[in-house]
């Protein structure tokens, strides 16, 4: 019934939802400082890629599939790098450093 009213198939609607997700992610980059390193940005990109890939199952296009798969993998890598890199920075910040030790004069 929905398809008869709108002319859009289920796969078209899923693909359009993916495009909306990409646009929301890009808008977040433009209006929020630090959004690129957030989990929301990564999940919007990964979720949008998945939705567009689902839409491609109906009308396959190899170039679009490769682009979406690459976008999804890069988004996952970027999120992991940021999440685990932040943990490493926090560990290093709390660890004592040689710079914290008083220097002894050499005799």
PDB file of N, CA and C in Angstrom:
ATOM      1  N   UNK A   1       0.808  -1.182   0.000  1.00  0.00           N
ATOM      2  CA  UNK A   1       0.000   0.000   0.000  1.00  0.00           C
ATOM      3  C   UNK A   1       0.868   1.270   0.000  1.00  0.00           C
ATOM      4  N   UNK A   2       1.921   1.295   0.826  1.00  0.00           N
ATOM      5  CA  UNK A   2       2.811   2.459   0.883  1.00  0.00           C
ATOM      6  C   UNK A   2       3.445   2.711  -0.476  1.00  0.00           C
ATOM      7  N   UNK A   3       3.845   1.639  -1.135  1.00  0.00           N
ATOM      8  CA  UNK A   3       4.478   1.782  -2.452  1.00  0.00           C
ATOM      9  C   UNK A   3       3.500   2.349  -3.475  1.00  0.00           C
ATOM     10  N   UNK A   4       2.245   1.965  -3.373  1.00  0.00           N
ATOM     11  CA  UNK A   4       1.238   2.488  -4.291  1.00  0.00           C
ATOM     12  C   UNK A   4       0.993   3.984  -4.064  1.00  0.00           C
ATOM     13  N   UNK A   5       1.071   4.419  -2.804  1.00  0.00           N
ATOM     14  CA  UNK A   5       0.828   5.824  -2.484  1.00  0.00           C
ATOM     15  C   UNK A   5       1.999   6.723  -2.859  1.00  0.00           C
ATOM     16  N   UNK A   6       3.211   6.242  -2.623  1.00  0.00           N
ATOM     17  CA  UNK A   6       4.391   7.094  -2.807  1.00  0.00           C
ATOM     18  C   UNK A   6       5.186   6.785  -4.069  1.00  0.00           C
ATOM     19  N   UNK A   7       5.057   5.593  -4.575  1.00  0.00           N
ATOM     20  CA  UNK A   7       5.881   5.179  -5.706  1.00  0.00           C
ATOM     21  C   UNK A   7       7.270   4.724  -5.282  1.00  0.00           C
ATOM     22  N   UNK A   8       7.522   4.689  -3.967  1.00  0.00           N
ATOM     23  CA  UNK A   8       8.819   4.277  -3.440  1.00  0.00           C
ATOM     24  C   UNK A   8       8.730   2.866  -2.882  1.00  0.00           C
ATOM     25  N   UNK A   9       9.727   2.069  -3.195  1.00  0.00           N
ATOM     26  CA  UNK A   9       9.778   0.720  -2.639  1.00  0.00           C
ATOM     27  C   UNK A   9      10.393   0.760  -1.244  1.00  0.00           C
ATOM     28  N   UNK A  10      10.309  -0.343  -0.558  1.00  0.00           N
ATOM     29  CA  UNK A  10      10.943  -0.476   0.752  1.00  0.00           C
ATOM     30  C   UNK A  10      12.426  -0.142   0.642  1.00  0.00           C
ATOM     31  N   UNK A  11      13.093  -0.662  -0.382  1.00  0.00           N
ATOM     32  CA  UNK A  11      14.525  -0.444  -0.558  1.00  0.00           C
ATOM     33  C   UNK A  11      14.846   1.032  -0.839  1.00  0.00           C
ATOM     34  N   UNK A  12      13.964   1.697  -1.574  1.00  0.00           N
ATOM     35  CA  UNK A  12      14.153   3.139  -1.803  1.00  0.00           C
ATOM     36  C   UNK A  12      14.089   3.910  -0.487  1.00  0.00           C
ATOM     37  N   UNK A  13      13.128   3.570   0.356  1.00  0.00           N
ATOM     38  CA  UNK A  13      12.970   4.260   1.640  1.00  0.00           C
ATOM     39  C   UNK A  13      14.171   4.007   2.546  1.00  0.00           C
ATOM     40  N   UNK A  14      14.672   2.784   2.554  1.00  0.00           N
ATOM     41  CA  UNK A  14      15.847   2.457   3.368  1.00  0.00           C
ATOM     42  C   UNK A  14      17.053   3.256   2.875  1.00  0.00           C
ATOM     43  N   UNK A  15      17.237   3.316   1.557  1.00  0.00           N
ATOM     44  CA  UNK A  15      18.349   4.078   0.989  1.00  0.00           C
ATOM     45  C   UNK A  15      18.236   5.562   1.303  1.00  0.00           C
ATOM     46  N   UNK A  16      17.022   6.108   1.236  1.00  0.00           N
ATOM     47  CA  UNK A  16      16.818   7.516   1.569  1.00  0.00           C
ATOM     48  C   UNK A  16      17.103   7.782   3.045  1.00  0.00           C
ATOM     49  N   UNK A  17      16.753   6.836   3.910  1.00  0.00           N
ATOM     50  CA  UNK A  17      17.080   6.985   5.339  1.00  0.00           C
ATOM     51  C   UNK A  17      18.597   7.028   5.528  1.00  0.00           C
ATOM     52  N   UNK A  18      19.321   6.231   4.757  1.00  0.00           N
ATOM     53  CA  UNK A  18      20.780   6.270   4.816  1.00  0.00           C
ATOM     54  C   UNK A  18      21.334   7.615   4.389  1.00  0.00           C
ATOM     55  N   UNK A  19      20.776   8.171   3.344  1.00  0.00           N
ATOM     56  CA  UNK A  19      21.216   9.493   2.868  1.00  0.00           C
ATOM     57  C   UNK A  19      20.926  10.559   3.925  1.00  0.00           C
ATOM     58  N   UNK A  20      19.776  10.491   4.563  1.00  0.00           N
ATOM     59  CA  UNK A  20      19.451  11.438   5.635  1.00  0.00           C
ATOM     60  C   UNK A  20      20.478  11.303   6.767  1.00  0.00           C
ATOM     61  N   UNK A  21      20.868  10.063   7.094  1.00  0.00           N
ATOM     62  CA  UNK A  21      21.886   9.852   8.126  1.00  0.00           C
ATOM     63  C   UNK A  21      23.209  10.498   7.763  1.00  0.00           C
ATOM     64  N   UNK A  22      23.630  10.349   6.506  1.00  0.00           N
ATOM     65  CA  UNK A  22      24.868  11.001   6.051  1.00  0.00           C
ATOM     66  C   UNK A  22      24.771  12.523   6.174  1.00  0.00           C
ATOM     67  N   UNK A  23      23.624  13.069   5.812  1.00  0.00           N
ATOM     68  CA  UNK A  23      23.441  14.521   5.883  1.00  0.00           C
ATOM     69  C   UNK A  23      23.452  15.022   7.325  1.00  0.00           C
ATOM     70  N   UNK A  24      22.849  14.263   8.229  1.00  0.00           N
ATOM     71  CA  UNK A  24      22.867  14.631   9.648  1.00  0.00           C
ATOM     72  C   UNK A  24      24.304  14.587  10.175  1.00  0.00           C
ATOM     73  N   UNK A  25      25.068  13.557   9.788  1.00  0.00           N
ATOM     74  CA  UNK A  25      26.467  13.458  10.219  1.00  0.00           C
ATOM     75  C   UNK A  25      27.274  14.648   9.696  1.00  0.00           C
ATOM     76  N   UNK A  26      27.061  15.001   8.450  1.00  0.00           N
ATOM     77  CA  UNK A  26      27.805  16.130   7.881  1.00  0.00           C
ATOM     78  C   UNK A  26      27.387  17.447   8.540  1.00  0.00           C
ATOM     79  N   UNK A  27      26.112  17.600   8.812  1.00  0.00           N
ATOM     80  CA  UNK A  27      25.644  18.811   9.500  1.00  0.00           C
ATOM     81  C   UNK A  27      26.269  18.895  10.889  1.00  0.00           C
ATOM     82  N   UNK A  28      26.394  17.762  11.567  1.00  0.00           N
ATOM     83  CA  UNK A  28      27.030  17.757  12.876  1.00  0.00           C
ATOM     84  C   UNK A  28      28.468  18.225  12.820  1.00  0.00           C
ATOM     85  N   UNK A  29      29.168  17.855  11.755  1.00  0.00           N
ATOM     86  CA  UNK A  29      30.548  18.326  11.589  1.00  0.00           C
ATOM     87  C   UNK A  29      30.608  19.835  11.440  1.00  0.00           C
ATOM     88  N   UNK A  30      29.621  20.399  10.783  1.00  0.00           N
ATOM     89  CA  UNK A  30      29.631  21.829  10.507  1.00  0.00           C
ATOM     90  C   UNK A  30      29.247  22.676  11.717  1.00  0.00           C
ATOM     91  N   UNK A  31      28.399  22.136  12.589  1.00  0.00           N
ATOM     92  CA  UNK A  31      27.873  22.968  13.669  1.00  0.00           C
ATOM     93  C   UNK A  31      28.407  22.637  15.061  1.00  0.00           C
ATOM     94  N   UNK A  32      29.065  21.487  15.218  1.00  0.00           N
ATOM     95  CA  UNK A  32      29.550  21.105  16.548  1.00  0.00           C
ATOM     96  C   UNK A  32      31.044  20.851  16.529  1.00  0.00           C
ATOM     97  N   UNK A  33      31.771  21.547  17.385  1.00  0.00           N
ATOM     98  CA  UNK A  33      33.198  21.280  17.540  1.00  0.00           C
ATOM     99  C   UNK A  33      33.379  19.923  18.205  1.00  0.00           C
ATOM    100  N   UNK A  34      34.323  19.145  17.717  1.00  0.00           N
ATOM    101  CA  UNK A  34      34.619  17.848  18.306  1.00  0.00           C
ATOM    102  C   UNK A  34      33.673  16.741  17.894  1.00  0.00           C
ATOM    103  N   UNK A  35      32.708  17.030  17.005  1.00  0.00           N
ATOM    104  CA  UNK A  35      31.740  16.009  16.607  1.00  0.00           C
ATOM    105  C   UNK A  35      32.402  14.882  15.831  1.00  0.00           C
ATOM    106  N   UNK A  36      33.472  15.179  15.108  1.00  0.00           N
ATOM    107  CA  UNK A  36      34.136  14.159  14.289  1.00  0.00           C
ATOM    108  C   UNK A  36      34.686  13.023  15.132  1.00  0.00           C
ATOM    109  N   UNK A  37      35.041  13.275  16.375  1.00  0.00           N
ATOM    110  CA  UNK A  37      35.573  12.234  17.233  1.00  0.00           C
ATOM    111  C   UNK A  37      34.534  11.563  18.104  1.00  0.00           C
ATOM    112  N   UNK A  38      33.275  11.890  17.909  1.00  0.00           N
ATOM    113  CA  UNK A  38      32.231  11.350  18.778  1.00  0.00           C
ATOM    114  C   UNK A  38      31.715  10.004  18.274  1.00  0.00           C
ATOM    115  N   UNK A  39      31.150   9.257  19.204  1.00  0.00           N
ATOM    116  CA  UNK A  39      30.533   7.979  18.849  1.00  0.00           C
ATOM    117  C   UNK A  39      29.326   8.207  17.944  1.00  0.00           C
ATOM    118  N   UNK A  40      28.599   9.300  18.167  1.00  0.00           N
ATOM    119  CA  UNK A  40      27.420   9.589  17.339  1.00  0.00           C
ATOM    120  C   UNK A  40      27.804   9.730  15.876  1.00  0.00           C
ATOM    121  N   UNK A  41      28.903  10.417  15.616  1.00  0.00           N
ATOM    122  CA  UNK A  41      29.354  10.598  14.233  1.00  0.00           C
ATOM    123  C   UNK A  41      29.698   9.256  13.594  1.00  0.00           C
ATOM    124  N   UNK A  42      30.430   8.426  14.326  1.00  0.00           N
ATOM    125  CA  UNK A  42      30.808   7.115  13.787  1.00  0.00           C
ATOM    126  C   UNK A  42      29.574   6.250  13.541  1.00  0.00           C
ATOM    127  N   UNK A  43      28.647   6.226  14.496  1.00  0.00           N
ATOM    128  CA  UNK A  43      27.464   5.392  14.334  1.00  0.00           C
ATOM    129  C   UNK A  43      26.549   5.906  13.222  1.00  0.00           C
ATOM    130  N   UNK A  44      26.464   7.224  13.054  1.00  0.00           N
ATOM    131  CA  UNK A  44      25.685   7.754  11.934  1.00  0.00           C
ATOM    132  C   UNK A  44      26.287   7.310  10.601  1.00  0.00           C
ATOM    133  N   UNK A  45      27.607   7.362  10.485  1.00  0.00           N
ATOM    134  CA  UNK A  45      28.258   6.959   9.243  1.00  0.00           C
ATOM    135  C   UNK A  45      28.111   5.468   8.983  1.00  0.00           C
ATOM    136  N   UNK A  46      28.335   4.646  10.001  1.00  0.00           N
ATOM    137  CA  UNK A  46      28.220   3.193   9.823  1.00  0.00           C
ATOM    138  C   UNK A  46      26.772   2.805   9.545  1.00  0.00           C
ATOM    139  N   UNK A  47      25.854   3.352  10.329  1.00  0.00           N
ATOM    140  CA  UNK A  47      24.439   3.039  10.121  1.00  0.00           C
ATOM    141  C   UNK A  47      23.945   3.477   8.758  1.00  0.00           C
ATOM    142  N   UNK A  48      24.371   4.640   8.323  1.00  0.00           N
ATOM    143  CA  UNK A  48      23.968   5.129   6.998  1.00  0.00           C
ATOM    144  C   UNK A  48      24.515   4.234   5.900  1.00  0.00           C
ATOM    145  N   UNK A  49      25.772   3.824   6.033  1.00  0.00           N
ATOM    146  CA  UNK A  49      26.357   2.922   5.027  1.00  0.00           C
ATOM    147  C   UNK A  49      25.592   1.607   4.977  1.00  0.00           C
ATOM    148  N   UNK A  50      25.231   1.065   6.129  1.00  0.00           N
ATOM    149  CA  UNK A  50      24.461  -0.191   6.157  1.00  0.00           C
ATOM    150  C   UNK A  50      23.122  -0.016   5.461  1.00  0.00           C
ATOM    151  N   UNK A  51      22.446   1.098   5.734  1.00  0.00           N
ATOM    152  CA  UNK A  51      21.149   1.335   5.092  1.00  0.00           C
ATOM    153  C   UNK A  51      21.282   1.457   3.577  1.00  0.00           C
ATOM    154  N   UNK A  52      22.296   2.156   3.112  1.00  0.00           N
ATOM    155  CA  UNK A  52      22.479   2.287   1.662  1.00  0.00           C
ATOM    156  C   UNK A  52      22.852   0.932   1.058  1.00  0.00           C
ATOM    157  N   UNK A  53      23.662   0.139   1.757  1.00  0.00           N
ATOM    158  CA  UNK A  53      24.004  -1.205   1.260  1.00  0.00           C
ATOM    159  C   UNK A  53      22.745  -2.063   1.149  1.00  0.00           C
ATOM    160  N   UNK A  54      21.863  -1.978   2.134  1.00  0.00           N
ATOM    161  CA  UNK A  54      20.598  -2.727   2.054  1.00  0.00           C
ATOM    162  C   UNK A  54      19.809  -2.291   0.829  1.00  0.00           C
ATOM    163  N   UNK A  55      19.784  -0.994   0.562  1.00  0.00           N
ATOM    164  CA  UNK A  55      19.045  -0.522  -0.613  1.00  0.00           C
ATOM    165  C   UNK A  55      19.676  -1.023  -1.906  1.00  0.00           C
ATOM    166  N   UNK A  56      20.994  -1.229  -1.888  1.00  0.00           N
ATOM    167  CA  UNK A  56      21.676  -1.726  -3.088  1.00  0.00           C
ATOM    168  C   UNK A  56      21.379  -3.203  -3.365  1.00  0.00           C
ATOM    169  N   UNK A  57      20.862  -3.910  -2.369  1.00  0.00           N
ATOM    170  CA  UNK A  57      20.507  -5.314  -2.596  1.00  0.00           C
ATOM    171  C   UNK A  57      19.379  -5.443  -3.612  1.00  0.00           C
ATOM    172  N   UNK A  58      18.544  -4.425  -3.699  1.00  0.00           N
ATOM    173  CA  UNK A  58      17.442  -4.434  -4.653  1.00  0.00           C
ATOM    174  C   UNK A  58      17.913  -4.105  -6.066  1.00  0.00           C
ATOM    175  N   UNK A  59      18.817  -3.152  -6.192  1.00  0.00           N
ATOM    176  CA  UNK A  59      19.317  -2.730  -7.492  1.00  0.00           C
ATOM    177  C   UNK A  59      20.825  -2.569  -7.365  1.00  0.00           C
ATOM    178  N   UNK A  60      21.545  -3.659  -7.565  1.00  0.00           N
ATOM    179  CA  UNK A  60      22.983  -3.707  -7.267  1.00  0.00           C
ATOM    180  C   UNK A  60      23.786  -2.809  -8.200  1.00  0.00           C
ATOM    181  N   UNK A  61      24.768  -2.137  -7.594  1.00  0.00           N
ATOM    182  CA  UNK A  61      25.716  -1.310  -8.324  1.00  0.00           C
ATOM    183  C   UNK A  61      27.066  -1.523  -7.646  1.00  0.00           C
ATOM    184  N   UNK A  62      28.003  -2.151  -8.356  1.00  0.00           N
ATOM    185  CA  UNK A  62      29.285  -2.525  -7.760  1.00  0.00           C
ATOM    186  C   UNK A  62      30.054  -1.321  -7.234  1.00  0.00           C
ATOM    187  N   UNK A  63      30.116  -0.260  -8.002  1.00  0.00           N
ATOM    188  CA  UNK A  63      30.872   0.922  -7.563  1.00  0.00           C
ATOM    189  C   UNK A  63      30.276   1.505  -6.278  1.00  0.00           C
ATOM    190  N   UNK A  64      28.965   1.604  -6.214  1.00  0.00           N
ATOM    191  CA  UNK A  64      28.322   2.133  -5.010  1.00  0.00           C
ATOM    192  C   UNK A  64      28.541   1.199  -3.820  1.00  0.00           C
ATOM    193  N   UNK A  65      28.492  -0.114  -4.051  1.00  0.00           N
ATOM    194  CA  UNK A  65      28.704  -1.082  -2.972  1.00  0.00           C
ATOM    195  C   UNK A  65      30.123  -0.965  -2.416  1.00  0.00           C
ATOM    196  N   UNK A  66      31.107  -0.843  -3.296  1.00  0.00           N
ATOM    197  CA  UNK A  66      32.503  -0.700  -2.852  1.00  0.00           C
ATOM    198  C   UNK A  66      32.667   0.597  -2.060  1.00  0.00           C
ATOM    199  N   UNK A  67      32.081   1.668  -2.551  1.00  0.00           N
ATOM    200  CA  UNK A  67      32.165   2.947  -1.848  1.00  0.00           C
ATOM    201  C   UNK A  67      31.537   2.880  -0.462  1.00  0.00           C
ATOM    202  N   UNK A  68      30.379   2.263  -0.351  1.00  0.00           N
ATOM    203  CA  UNK A  68      29.701   2.157   0.947  1.00  0.00           C
ATOM    204  C   UNK A  68      30.466   1.253   1.904  1.00  0.00           C
ATOM    205  N   UNK A  69      30.987   0.141   1.407  1.00  0.00           N
ATOM    206  CA  UNK A  69      31.755  -0.771   2.260  1.00  0.00           C
ATOM    207  C   UNK A  69      33.028  -0.086   2.764  1.00  0.00           C
ATOM    208  N   UNK A  70      33.700   0.651   1.888  1.00  0.00           N
ATOM    209  CA  UNK A  70      34.914   1.371   2.293  1.00  0.00           C
ATOM    210  C   UNK A  70      34.570   2.453   3.317  1.00  0.00           C
ATOM    211  N   UNK A  71      33.494   3.175   3.101  1.00  0.00           N
ATOM    212  CA  UNK A  71      33.074   4.238   4.027  1.00  0.00           C
ATOM    213  C   UNK A  71      32.794   3.639   5.407  1.00  0.00           C
ATOM    214  N   UNK A  72      32.117   2.484   5.411  1.00  0.00           N
ATOM    215  CA  UNK A  72      31.775   1.832   6.669  1.00  0.00           C
ATOM    216  C   UNK A  72      33.045   1.378   7.400  1.00  0.00           C
ATOM    217  N   UNK A  73      33.979   0.745   6.692  1.00  0.00           N
ATOM    218  CA  UNK A  73      35.213   0.265   7.322  1.00  0.00           C
ATOM    219  C   UNK A  73      36.057   1.423   7.851  1.00  0.00           C
ATOM    220  N   UNK A  74      36.159   2.499   7.081  1.00  0.00           N
ATOM    221  CA  UNK A  74      36.918   3.666   7.545  1.00  0.00           C
ATOM    222  C   UNK A  74      36.277   4.309   8.765  1.00  0.00           C
ATOM    223  N   UNK A  75      34.963   4.336   8.814  1.00  0.00           N
ATOM    224  CA  UNK A  75      34.270   4.904   9.970  1.00  0.00           C
ATOM    225  C   UNK A  75      34.511   4.058  11.217  1.00  0.00           C
ATOM    226  N   UNK A  76      34.479   2.745  11.068  1.00  0.00           N
ATOM    227  CA  UNK A  76      34.750   1.856  12.206  1.00  0.00           C
ATOM    228  C   UNK A  76      36.194   2.026  12.660  1.00  0.00           C
ATOM    229  N   UNK A  77      37.127   2.065  11.717  1.00  0.00           N
ATOM    230  CA  UNK A  77      38.542   2.258  12.060  1.00  0.00           C
ATOM    231  C   UNK A  77      38.749   3.591  12.786  1.00  0.00           C
ATOM    232  N   UNK A  78      38.166   4.652  12.262  1.00  0.00           N
ATOM    233  CA  UNK A  78      38.318   5.971  12.879  1.00  0.00           C
ATOM    234  C   UNK A  78      37.757   6.011  14.284  1.00  0.00           C
ATOM    235  N   UNK A  79      36.601   5.374  14.483  1.00  0.00           N
ATOM    236  CA  UNK A  79      36.020   5.352  15.823  1.00  0.00           C
ATOM    237  C   UNK A  79      36.918   4.578  16.784  1.00  0.00           C
ATOM    238  N   UNK A  80      37.385   3.409  16.373  1.00  0.00           N
ATOM    239  CA  UNK A  80      38.254   2.594  17.240  1.00  0.00           C
ATOM    240  C   UNK A  80      39.551   3.334  17.546  1.00  0.00           C
ATOM    241  N   UNK A  81      40.117   3.958  16.556  1.00  0.00           N
ATOM    242  CA  UNK A  81      41.366   4.710  16.756  1.00  0.00           C
ATOM    243  C   UNK A  81      41.148   5.835  17.759  1.00  0.00           C
ATOM    244  N   UNK A  82      40.049   6.537  17.626  1.00  0.00           N
ATOM    245  CA  UNK A  82      39.768   7.633  18.539  1.00  0.00           C
ATOM    246  C   UNK A  82      39.461   7.106  19.941  1.00  0.00           C
ATOM    247  N   UNK A  83      38.641   6.068  20.028  1.00  0.00           N
ATOM    248  CA  UNK A  83      38.247   5.532  21.338  1.00  0.00           C
ATOM    249  C   UNK A  83      39.440   4.947  22.076  1.00  0.00           C
ATOM    250  N   UNK A  84      40.225   4.116  21.402  1.00  0.00           N
ATOM    251  CA  UNK A  84      41.361   3.482  22.074  1.00  0.00           C
ATOM    252  C   UNK A  84      42.539   4.431  22.193  1.00  0.00           C
ATOM    253  N   UNK A  85      42.689   5.360  21.277  1.00  0.00           N
ATOM    254  CA  UNK A  85      43.737   6.370  21.390  1.00  0.00           C
ATOM    255  C   UNK A  85      43.495   7.268  22.581  1.00  0.00           C
ATOM    256  N   UNK A  86      42.232   7.604  22.837  1.00  0.00           N
ATOM    257  CA  UNK A  86      41.888   8.414  23.996  1.00  0.00           C
ATOM    258  C   UNK A  86      42.173   7.689  25.289  1.00  0.00           C
ATOM    259  N   UNK A  87      41.950   6.368  25.310  1.00  0.00           N
ATOM    260  CA  UNK A  87      42.255   5.592  26.504  1.00  0.00           C
ATOM    261  C   UNK A  87      43.753   5.576  26.752  1.00  0.00           C
ATOM    262  N   UNK A  88      44.538   5.442  25.681  1.00  0.00           N
ATOM    263  CA  UNK A  88      45.993   5.420  25.829  1.00  0.00           C
ATOM    264  C   UNK A  88      46.508   6.761  26.330  1.00  0.00           C
ATOM    265  N   UNK A  89      45.941   7.855  25.819  1.00  0.00           N
ATOM    266  CA  UNK A  89      46.362   9.183  26.270  1.00  0.00           C
ATOM    267  C   UNK A  89      46.053   9.364  27.752  1.00  0.00           C
ATOM    268  N   UNK A  90      44.905   8.851  28.199  1.00  0.00           N
ATOM    269  CA  UNK A  90      44.536   8.975  29.609  1.00  0.00           C
ATOM    270  C   UNK A  90      45.478   8.151  30.482  1.00  0.00           C
ATOM    271  N   UNK A  91      45.875   6.963  30.015  1.00  0.00           N
ATOM    272  CA  UNK A  91      46.808   6.129  30.770  1.00  0.00           C
ATOM    273  C   UNK A  91      48.158   6.820  30.879  1.00  0.00           C
ATOM    274  N   UNK A  92      48.622   7.404  29.788  1.00  0.00           N
ATOM    275  CA  UNK A  92      49.917   8.084  29.803  1.00  0.00           C
ATOM    276  C   UNK A  92      49.890   9.318  30.696  1.00  0.00           C
ATOM    277  N   UNK A  93      48.770   9.969  30.741  1.00  0.00           N
ATOM    278  CA  UNK A  93      48.668  11.172  31.560  1.00  0.00           C
ATOM    279  C   UNK A  93      48.758  10.843  33.048  1.00  0.00           C
ATOM    280  N   UNK A  94      48.259   9.663  33.452  1.00  0.00           N
ATOM    281  CA  UNK A  94      48.275   9.307  34.866  1.00  0.00           C
ATOM    282  C   UNK A  94      49.556   8.582  35.277  1.00  0.00           C
ATOM    283  N   UNK A  95      50.333   8.097  34.312  1.00  0.00           N
ATOM    284  CA  UNK A  95      51.564   7.378  34.631  1.00  0.00           C
ATOM    285  C   UNK A  95      52.675   8.362  34.989  1.00  0.00           C
ATOM    286  N   UNK A  96      53.504   8.014  35.974  1.00  0.00           N
ATOM    287  CA  UNK A  96      54.612   8.911  36.302  1.00  0.00           C
ATOM    288  C   UNK A  96      55.607   8.980  35.155  1.00  0.00           C
ATOM    289  N   UNK A  97      56.209  10.094  35.023  1.00  0.00           N
ATOM    290  CA  UNK A  97      57.154  10.326  33.938  1.00  0.00           C
ATOM    291  C   UNK A  97      58.512  10.663  34.513  1.00  0.00           C
ATOM    292  N   UNK A  98      59.547  10.423  33.727  1.00  0.00           N
ATOM    293  CA  UNK A  98      60.887  10.799  34.157  1.00  0.00           C
ATOM    294  C   UNK A  98      60.989  12.307  34.323  1.00  0.00           C
ATOM    295  N   UNK A  99      60.171  13.023  33.588  1.00  0.00           N
ATOM    296  CA  UNK A  99      60.178  14.481  33.707  1.00  0.00           C
ATOM    297  C   UNK A  99      59.668  14.932  35.074  1.00  0.00           C
ATOM    298  N   UNK A 100      58.889  14.075  35.746  1.00  0.00           N
ATOM    299  CA  UNK A 100      58.355  14.421  37.058  1.00  0.00           C
ATOM    300  C   UNK A 100      59.406  14.259  38.152  1.00  0.00           C
ATOM    301  N   UNK A 101      60.437  13.481  37.902  1.00  0.00           N
ATOM    302  CA  UNK A 101      61.461  13.231  38.899  1.00  0.00           C
ATOM    303  C   UNK A 101      62.393  14.436  39.031  1.00  0.00           C
ATOM    304  N   UNK A 102      62.827  14.742  40.253  1.00  0.00           N
ATOM    305  CA  UNK A 102      63.792  15.837  40.389  1.00  0.00           C
ATOM    306  C   UNK A 102      65.122  15.402  39.792  1.00  0.00           C
ATOM    307  N   UNK A 103      65.788  16.322  39.170  1.00  0.00           N
ATOM    308  CA  UNK A 103      67.069  16.008  38.547  1.00  0.00           C
ATOM    309  C   UNK A 103      68.181  16.088  39.578  1.00  0.00           C
ATOM    310  N   UNK A 104      69.000  15.098  39.545  1.00  0.00           N
ATOM    311  CA  UNK A 104      70.154  15.045  40.461  1.00  0.00           C
ATOM    312  C   UNK A 104      71.372  15.606  39.738  1.00  0.00           C
ATOM    313  N   UNK A 105      72.148  16.427  40.406  1.00  0.00           N
ATOM    314  CA  UNK A 105      73.355  16.938  39.744  1.00  0.00           C
ATOM    315  C   UNK A 105      74.359  15.805  39.540  1.00  0.00           C
ATOM    316  N   UNK A 106      75.028  15.847  38.446  1.00  0.00           N
ATOM    317  CA  UNK A 106      76.030  14.846  38.127  1.00  0.00           C
ATOM    318  C   UNK A 106      77.344  15.297  38.744  1.00  0.00           C
ATOM    319  N   UNK A 107      77.999  14.384  39.501  1.00  0.00           N
ATOM    320  CA  UNK A 107      79.244  14.751  40.178  1.00  0.00           C
ATOM    321  C   UNK A 107      80.443  14.577  39.295  1.00  0.00           C
TER     322      UNK A 107
END
